[in-house]
C-alpha cells in the first residue's frame, strides 16, 4: 500500500521534509508555491493521503483550516520532530509546525505513521 503524506509550507518550501518522508518509505506530496499550508486538507482529500503536515509561522493556520473543512483531528503549534511523532501516535491526521523544514522531521513522522498503520518501513 502506498502511504501518502501531504506537505504544505507557507513559503513554498518543504523539500527537506519530503526527502525524509521518502527515505522512511512513504510518498511525499509537496504542494508548490507560497500559501501551500492553507491547501493541505484539500490536497489530502484529492490524493487520499493518510497525513498532512502544515508549516507556517504559528504552526496552526493550515491545520485549523483542514479541521474546519474536512474534520481532521489536528495537532498544531508543534516545534519538534518528537512532538510530531507523539501526535501521530495519538491519531492526529494533520500536524501544524512552525518553520521546521528538516529531513529528520519528515523521516521520524513518516516512520511513526508507517508503524501505526502496520506498514513495512
Protein backbone atom coordinates (compact mmCIF):
# COMPACT_ATOMS: atom_id res chain seq x y z
CA UNK A 1 0.00 0.00 0.00
CA UNK A 2 1.26 3.48 -0.83
CA UNK A 3 1.15 5.82 2.16
CA UNK A 4 0.99 9.47 1.11
CA UNK A 5 1.89 12.44 3.29
CA UNK A 6 0.96 15.92 2.09
CA UNK A 7 3.29 18.84 2.84
CA UNK A 8 2.16 22.45 2.69
CA UNK A 9 4.64 25.22 3.54
CA UNK A 10 3.61 28.87 3.85
CA UNK A 11 6.73 29.99 1.97
CA UNK A 12 6.60 27.28 -0.70
CA UNK A 13 9.36 25.17 0.82
CA UNK A 14 9.23 21.67 2.33
CA UNK A 15 11.79 19.84 0.20
CA UNK A 16 13.86 18.63 3.18
CA UNK A 17 10.80 17.17 4.91
CA UNK A 18 9.83 15.48 1.63
CA UNK A 19 13.30 13.91 1.43
CA UNK A 20 12.88 12.50 4.95
CA UNK A 21 9.43 11.11 4.17
CA UNK A 22 10.78 9.44 1.04
CA UNK A 23 13.75 7.99 2.98
CA UNK A 24 11.34 6.43 5.51
CA UNK A 25 9.40 4.69 2.75
CA UNK A 26 6.32 6.89 2.37
CA UNK A 27 5.35 9.08 -0.58
CA UNK A 28 5.52 12.86 -0.08
CA UNK A 29 3.07 15.09 -1.92
CA UNK A 30 4.61 18.56 -1.85
CA UNK A 31 2.21 21.41 -2.56
CA UNK A 32 4.05 24.01 -4.64
CA UNK A 33 4.08 27.75 -4.06
CA UNK A 34 3.58 30.24 -1.27
CA UNK A 35 0.47 29.77 0.87
CA UNK A 36 0.55 25.99 0.36
CA UNK A 37 -0.17 25.40 4.06
CA UNK A 38 -3.75 26.52 3.54
CA UNK A 39 -4.32 23.78 0.92
CA UNK A 40 -3.23 20.77 2.98
CA UNK A 41 -6.75 19.46 3.64
CA UNK A 42 -7.81 19.93 0.01
CA UNK A 43 -4.77 18.08 -1.35
CA UNK A 44 -5.14 15.30 1.25
CA UNK A 45 -8.71 14.72 0.07
CA UNK A 46 -7.68 14.76 -3.60
CA UNK A 47 -4.70 12.42 -3.07
CA UNK A 48 -6.21 10.08 -0.47
CA UNK A 49 -3.34 10.93 1.88
CA UNK A 50 -3.01 9.45 5.36
CA UNK A 51 -1.38 12.52 6.90
CA UNK A 52 -0.85 16.21 6.27
CA UNK A 53 1.93 18.46 7.52
CA UNK A 54 1.43 22.20 7.52
CA UNK A 55 4.21 24.74 8.08
CA UNK A 56 3.69 28.39 8.91
CA UNK A 57 4.95 30.84 11.49
CA UNK A 58 2.42 29.90 14.17
CA UNK A 59 2.13 26.27 13.14
CA UNK A 60 -1.64 26.40 13.09
CA UNK A 61 -3.34 28.08 10.15
CA UNK A 62 -3.24 25.21 7.67
CA UNK A 63 -4.06 22.59 10.29
CA UNK A 64 -7.06 24.54 11.58
CA UNK A 65 -8.27 25.05 8.01
CA UNK A 66 -8.04 21.28 7.38
CA UNK A 67 -10.04 20.61 10.54
CA UNK A 68 -12.68 23.18 9.60
CA UNK A 69 -13.12 21.98 6.02
CA UNK A 70 -12.63 18.22 6.43
CA UNK A 71 -12.91 17.39 10.14
CA UNK A 72 -9.31 16.24 10.56
CA UNK A 73 -8.02 15.54 14.05
CA UNK A 74 -5.17 18.03 14.36
CA UNK A 75 -2.21 18.99 16.50
CA UNK A 76 -0.67 22.40 15.96
CA UNK A 77 1.94 24.72 17.38
CA UNK A 78 4.41 21.83 17.16
CA UNK A 79 8.11 22.67 17.35
CA UNK A 80 9.99 19.36 17.20
CA UNK A 81 10.10 16.04 15.38
CA UNK A 82 9.28 14.25 18.65
CA UNK A 83 6.12 16.35 19.06
CA UNK A 84 5.09 15.23 15.57
CA UNK A 85 5.76 11.58 16.39
CA UNK A 86 3.65 11.86 19.54
CA UNK A 87 0.80 13.49 17.58
CA UNK A 88 0.86 10.65 15.02
CA UNK A 89 0.82 8.07 17.82
CA UNK A 90 -2.24 9.86 19.26
CA UNK A 91 -4.04 9.52 15.93
CA UNK A 92 -3.78 13.07 14.62
CA UNK A 93 -4.12 13.33 10.84
CA UNK A 94 -2.87 16.90 10.28
CA UNK A 95 0.17 18.32 12.04
CA UNK A 96 0.89 22.04 12.21
CA UNK A 97 4.51 23.07 12.70
CA UNK A 98 6.37 26.33 12.84
CA UNK A 99 9.04 26.65 10.18
CA UNK A 100 10.91 23.37 10.69
CA UNK A 101 11.74 22.04 7.21
CA UNK A 102 14.17 19.28 8.19
CA UNK A 103 14.78 15.81 6.82
CA UNK A 104 14.79 14.46 10.39
CA UNK A 105 11.23 15.67 10.96
CA UNK A 106 9.98 14.08 7.75
CA UNK A 107 11.71 10.79 8.46
CA UNK A 108 10.58 10.46 12.07
CA UNK A 109 6.96 11.42 11.41
CA UNK A 110 6.70 9.13 8.37
CA UNK A 111 8.30 6.26 10.26
CA UNK A 112 5.81 6.73 13.14
CA UNK A 113 2.90 6.79 10.69
CA UNK A 114 4.09 3.64 8.91
CA UNK A 115 4.43 1.84 12.26
CA UNK A 116 0.95 2.97 13.29
CA UNK A 117 -0.52 1.72 10.01
CA UNK A 118 1.42 -1.56 10.25
CA UNK A 119 3.31 -0.84 7.03
CA UNK A 120 6.87 -2.04 6.49
CA UNK A 121 9.35 0.82 6.59
